[in-house]
Amino acid sequence: MLSIQTQAGPKGFLNRNLGGAFCRASPQAAVRIERVPRRQKIFPTHAGEIANKLLGAVRDDGLVARFVDSYVAEFSRRGLKDHPARYRELLATLGREALLAMMAQVNAELPRYLAPRRPLPSAAEVEIADTFAQELFAALVRASRWTSEEAEEFRRDLNLYAQLSARTQKVKKRRKPTDPAEGPFVDRCALLLDPSMLEAARAAAAAFLVELEQATDAILRGVLRRRRL
């Protein structure tokens, strides 16, 4: 079977993303093909498919718009929608935050999809997941049509998300199903949504994060598990 490896960009993309400096992936990175065991069968096209599905969930499927509209209706915050230009800006900003949360989740879970029957992936599987993460980021940049400055800013924020999420990972594992979600998305989303009603906004953002996590899980299962990695 075949796997992907890029010839551009430093190694350790996932490891740096989850614990340190998030390395930059070039959208023009060359691809080198190598033979690996069947369970490690992933391709650049899979990264592009995941990137497009993440964008589609945030933009085309209306996840963010439904979230904001539901919050406005529940808490009688009609003022958030009174000015069309500000409302569109709010949707765009929250959509970016949602995409950050979903990308951070994908990067964190990639190794698990390469080693579904073992508690920890092998070094080779981590390297393949690392390479795949580079291609995923490059695919997202291309699909979003970001400038180099926009891509760099997103990369920095994604690194921040990964670092902050890692601190709350143990808390998340102990969290009961009825407990509210926590993490950088909840805090940032609440501040952007409605800082004058922060507690209500945090509760709504926590519920929205659970919805985003479920959508991300569905995308990963749909794209990767049907290939029987």
Protein backbone atom coordinates (compact mmCIF):
# COMPACT_ATOMS: atom_id res chain seq x y z
CA MET A 1 0.00 0.00 0.00
CA LEU A 2 1.00 3.63 -0.40
CA SER A 3 1.32 6.64 1.86
CA ILE A 4 2.20 10.26 1.29
CA GLN A 5 5.27 12.22 2.32
CA THR A 6 5.93 15.83 1.39
CA GLN A 7 9.39 17.05 0.46
CA ALA A 8 8.77 20.54 1.80
CA GLY A 9 8.35 21.65 5.39
CA PRO A 10 9.97 20.35 8.60
CA LYS A 11 9.01 17.08 10.24
CA GLY A 12 6.99 16.94 13.41
CA PHE A 13 4.00 18.96 12.21
CA LEU A 14 1.53 17.25 14.51
CA ASN A 15 3.93 17.07 17.44
CA ARG A 16 4.79 20.74 17.10
CA ASN A 17 1.14 21.61 16.60
CA LEU A 18 0.13 19.83 19.79
CA GLY A 19 3.00 20.94 21.95
CA GLY A 20 5.05 23.73 20.46
CA ALA A 21 5.72 25.76 17.34
CA PHE A 22 3.27 24.89 14.58
CA CYS A 23 5.31 24.43 11.40
CA ARG A 24 4.18 26.00 8.17
CA ALA A 25 3.00 23.82 5.31
CA SER A 26 3.42 25.01 1.76
CA PRO A 27 0.41 24.57 -0.52
CA GLN A 28 2.90 23.80 -3.29
CA ALA A 29 4.65 21.02 -1.35
CA ALA A 30 5.81 18.18 -3.61
CA VAL A 31 4.50 14.72 -2.83
CA ARG A 32 6.63 11.57 -2.63
CA ILE A 33 5.00 8.13 -2.61
CA GLU A 34 6.28 5.25 -0.47
CA ARG A 35 5.07 1.73 0.24
CA VAL A 36 3.72 1.12 3.76
CA PRO A 37 1.42 -1.45 5.41
CA ARG A 38 -2.26 -1.49 4.40
CA ARG A 39 -3.54 0.11 7.59
CA GLN A 40 -1.51 3.26 6.83
CA LYS A 41 -3.12 3.85 3.44
CA ILE A 42 -3.87 7.58 3.17
CA PHE A 43 -3.49 9.91 0.21
CA PRO A 44 -3.34 13.65 -0.49
CA THR A 45 -6.84 13.52 -1.97
CA HIS A 46 -8.18 12.46 1.42
CA ALA A 47 -6.73 15.64 2.96
CA GLY A 48 -8.42 17.75 0.31
CA GLU A 49 -11.72 16.00 0.90
CA ILE A 50 -11.56 16.59 4.65
CA ALA A 51 -10.65 20.26 4.15
CA ASN A 52 -13.59 20.78 1.78
CA LYS A 53 -16.01 19.00 4.11
CA LEU A 54 -14.90 21.10 7.08
CA LEU A 55 -15.41 24.28 5.10
CA GLY A 56 -18.74 23.01 3.82
CA ALA A 57 -19.97 22.24 7.32
CA VAL A 58 -19.10 25.73 8.54
CA ARG A 59 -20.19 27.72 5.48
CA ASP A 60 -22.59 25.78 3.28
CA ASP A 61 -24.40 23.72 5.92
CA GLY A 62 -25.12 26.81 7.99
CA LEU A 63 -23.83 25.54 11.35
CA VAL A 64 -22.70 28.98 12.46
CA ALA A 65 -25.78 30.83 11.20
CA ARG A 66 -28.10 28.40 12.99
CA PHE A 67 -26.07 28.77 16.18
CA VAL A 68 -26.28 32.57 16.14
CA ASP A 69 -29.97 32.60 15.18
CA SER A 70 -30.77 30.15 17.97
CA TYR A 71 -28.90 32.28 20.50
CA VAL A 72 -30.67 35.44 19.34
CA ALA A 73 -34.06 33.77 19.68
CA GLU A 74 -33.38 32.15 23.06
CA PHE A 75 -32.02 35.25 24.77
CA SER A 76 -33.94 37.93 22.85
CA ARG A 77 -30.76 39.46 21.46
CA ARG A 78 -32.24 40.78 18.24
CA GLY A 79 -29.72 43.60 18.23
CA LEU A 80 -27.04 41.16 17.08
CA LYS A 81 -28.82 40.94 13.73
CA ASP A 82 -30.11 44.50 13.33
CA HIS A 83 -27.16 45.59 11.19
CA PRO A 84 -26.65 43.26 8.19
CA ALA A 85 -22.99 44.17 7.72
CA ARG A 86 -22.16 43.51 11.37
CA TYR A 87 -24.16 40.29 11.31
CA ARG A 88 -22.22 39.03 8.28
CA GLU A 89 -18.96 39.96 9.98
CA LEU A 90 -20.05 38.10 13.12
CA LEU A 91 -20.86 34.99 11.10
CA ALA A 92 -17.50 35.14 9.31
CA THR A 93 -15.56 35.61 12.56
CA LEU A 94 -17.39 32.83 14.38
CA GLY A 95 -17.01 30.62 11.32
CA ARG A 96 -13.25 31.03 11.50
CA GLU A 97 -13.30 30.11 15.19
CA ALA A 98 -15.38 27.03 14.41
CA LEU A 99 -12.92 26.01 11.71
CA LEU A 100 -10.02 26.42 14.15
CA ALA A 101 -11.73 24.14 16.67
CA MET A 102 -12.51 21.51 14.03
CA MET A 103 -8.99 21.55 12.58
CA ALA A 104 -7.45 21.22 16.04
CA GLN A 105 -9.66 18.21 16.68
CA VAL A 106 -8.72 16.59 13.36
CA ASN A 107 -5.00 17.01 14.01
CA ALA A 108 -5.33 15.58 17.52
CA GLU A 109 -7.26 12.52 16.35
CA LEU A 110 -5.36 11.63 13.17
CA PRO A 111 -2.97 9.16 14.86
CA ARG A 112 -5.93 7.29 16.36
CA TYR A 113 -7.31 6.64 12.90
CA LEU A 114 -3.98 5.15 11.87
CA ALA A 115 -3.84 2.81 14.88
CA PRO A 116 -7.49 2.11 15.78
CA ARG A 117 -6.77 -1.11 17.70
CA ARG A 118 -3.83 0.07 19.81
CA PRO A 119 -3.67 2.63 22.64
CA LEU A 120 -0.75 4.43 21.00
CA PRO A 121 0.33 4.63 17.35
CA SER A 122 3.80 3.55 16.25
CA ALA A 123 6.50 6.04 15.35
CA ALA A 124 5.91 5.34 11.65
CA GLU A 125 2.18 5.95 12.02
CA VAL A 126 2.79 9.23 13.85
CA GLU A 127 5.09 10.33 11.03
CA ILE A 128 2.45 9.50 8.42
CA ALA A 129 -0.21 11.37 10.41
CA ASP A 130 2.23 14.26 10.70
CA THR A 131 2.71 14.36 6.93
CA PHE A 132 -1.03 14.10 6.37
CA ALA A 133 -1.60 17.07 8.68
CA GLN A 134 0.75 19.17 6.56
CA GLU A 135 -1.18 18.29 3.42
CA LEU A 136 -4.48 18.97 5.20
CA PHE A 137 -3.38 22.46 6.19
CA ALA A 138 -2.18 23.16 2.65
CA ALA A 139 -5.49 21.90 1.24
CA LEU A 140 -7.42 24.15 3.63
CA VAL A 141 -5.37 27.16 2.55
CA ARG A 142 -6.08 26.41 -1.11
CA ALA A 143 -9.80 25.77 -0.57
CA SER A 144 -10.18 28.95 1.50
CA ARG A 145 -8.17 31.01 -1.02
CA TRP A 146 -6.28 32.69 1.79
CA THR A 147 -3.39 35.04 1.24
CA SER A 148 -0.07 34.08 2.77
CA GLU A 149 -0.73 36.51 5.61
CA GLU A 150 -4.17 35.01 6.30
CA ALA A 151 -2.74 31.48 6.23
CA GLU A 152 0.03 32.46 8.64
CA GLU A 153 -2.44 34.09 11.04
CA PHE A 154 -4.65 30.99 10.98
CA ARG A 155 -1.61 28.80 11.60
CA ARG A 156 -0.65 30.84 14.66
CA ASP A 157 -4.19 30.68 16.06
CA LEU A 158 -4.36 26.95 15.41
CA ASN A 159 -1.14 26.50 17.35
CA LEU A 160 -2.68 28.46 20.22
CA TYR A 161 -5.80 26.30 20.09
CA ALA A 162 -3.68 23.15 20.24
CA GLN A 163 -1.69 24.36 23.23
CA LEU A 164 -4.76 25.49 25.19
CA SER A 165 -6.73 22.37 24.26
CA ALA A 166 -3.91 20.14 25.49
CA ARG A 167 -4.19 21.76 28.94
CA THR A 168 -7.88 20.91 29.18
CA GLN A 169 -7.62 17.41 27.67
CA LYS A 170 -7.45 15.63 31.05
CA VAL A 171 -10.43 17.64 32.26
CA LYS A 172 -12.34 16.65 29.13
CA LYS A 173 -11.70 12.96 29.75
CA ARG A 174 -13.21 13.27 33.23
CA ARG A 175 -16.15 15.33 31.99
CA LYS A 176 -19.60 13.83 32.40
CA PRO A 177 -21.95 13.89 29.41
CA THR A 178 -24.08 16.48 31.22
CA ASP A 179 -21.13 18.79 31.98
CA PRO A 180 -20.61 21.81 29.71
CA ALA A 181 -17.74 21.69 27.23
CA GLU A 182 -14.65 23.77 27.95
CA GLY A 183 -11.65 25.04 26.04
CA PRO A 184 -10.38 27.97 23.97
CA PHE A 185 -13.32 27.89 21.56
CA VAL A 186 -15.87 28.38 24.33
CA ASP A 187 -14.11 31.45 25.72
CA ARG A 188 -13.27 33.07 22.39
CA CYS A 189 -16.67 32.36 20.86
CA ALA A 190 -18.49 33.84 23.85
CA LEU A 191 -16.45 37.04 23.72
CA LEU A 192 -17.11 37.44 20.01
CA LEU A 193 -20.79 36.54 20.23
CA ASP A 194 -22.08 38.60 23.14
CA PRO A 195 -19.58 40.00 25.68
CA SER A 196 -22.34 41.87 27.52
CA MET A 197 -24.00 38.54 28.40
CA LEU A 198 -20.87 36.47 28.82
CA GLU A 199 -22.26 33.62 30.91
CA ALA A 200 -25.16 33.01 28.56
CA ALA A 201 -22.82 33.23 25.59
CA ARG A 202 -20.38 30.76 27.17
CA ALA A 203 -23.15 28.24 27.81
CA ALA A 204 -24.33 28.56 24.22
CA ALA A 205 -20.77 28.28 22.89
CA ALA A 206 -20.18 25.15 24.99
CA ALA A 207 -23.22 23.48 23.47
CA PHE A 208 -22.13 24.58 20.00
CA LEU A 209 -18.67 23.09 20.56
CA VAL A 210 -20.25 19.70 21.20
CA GLU A 211 -22.10 20.03 17.89
CA LEU A 212 -18.85 20.92 16.11
CA GLU A 213 -17.08 17.94 17.67
CA GLN A 214 -19.81 15.61 16.48
CA ALA A 215 -19.69 17.06 12.97
CA THR A 216 -15.91 16.68 12.87
CA ASP A 217 -16.11 13.07 14.06
CA ALA A 218 -18.63 12.31 11.33
CA ILE A 219 -16.36 13.82 8.66
CA LEU A 220 -13.32 11.84 9.82
CA ARG A 221 -15.25 8.59 9.98
CA GLY A 222 -16.77 9.19 6.58
CA VAL A 223 -13.51 10.01 4.82
CA LEU A 224 -10.95 7.82 6.60
CA ARG A 225 -12.70 4.76 7.96
CA ARG A 226 -14.37 3.87 4.70
CA ARG A 227 -10.82 3.45 3.32
CA ARG A 228 -10.17 0.81 6.00
CA LEU A 229 -6.84 2.30 7.08
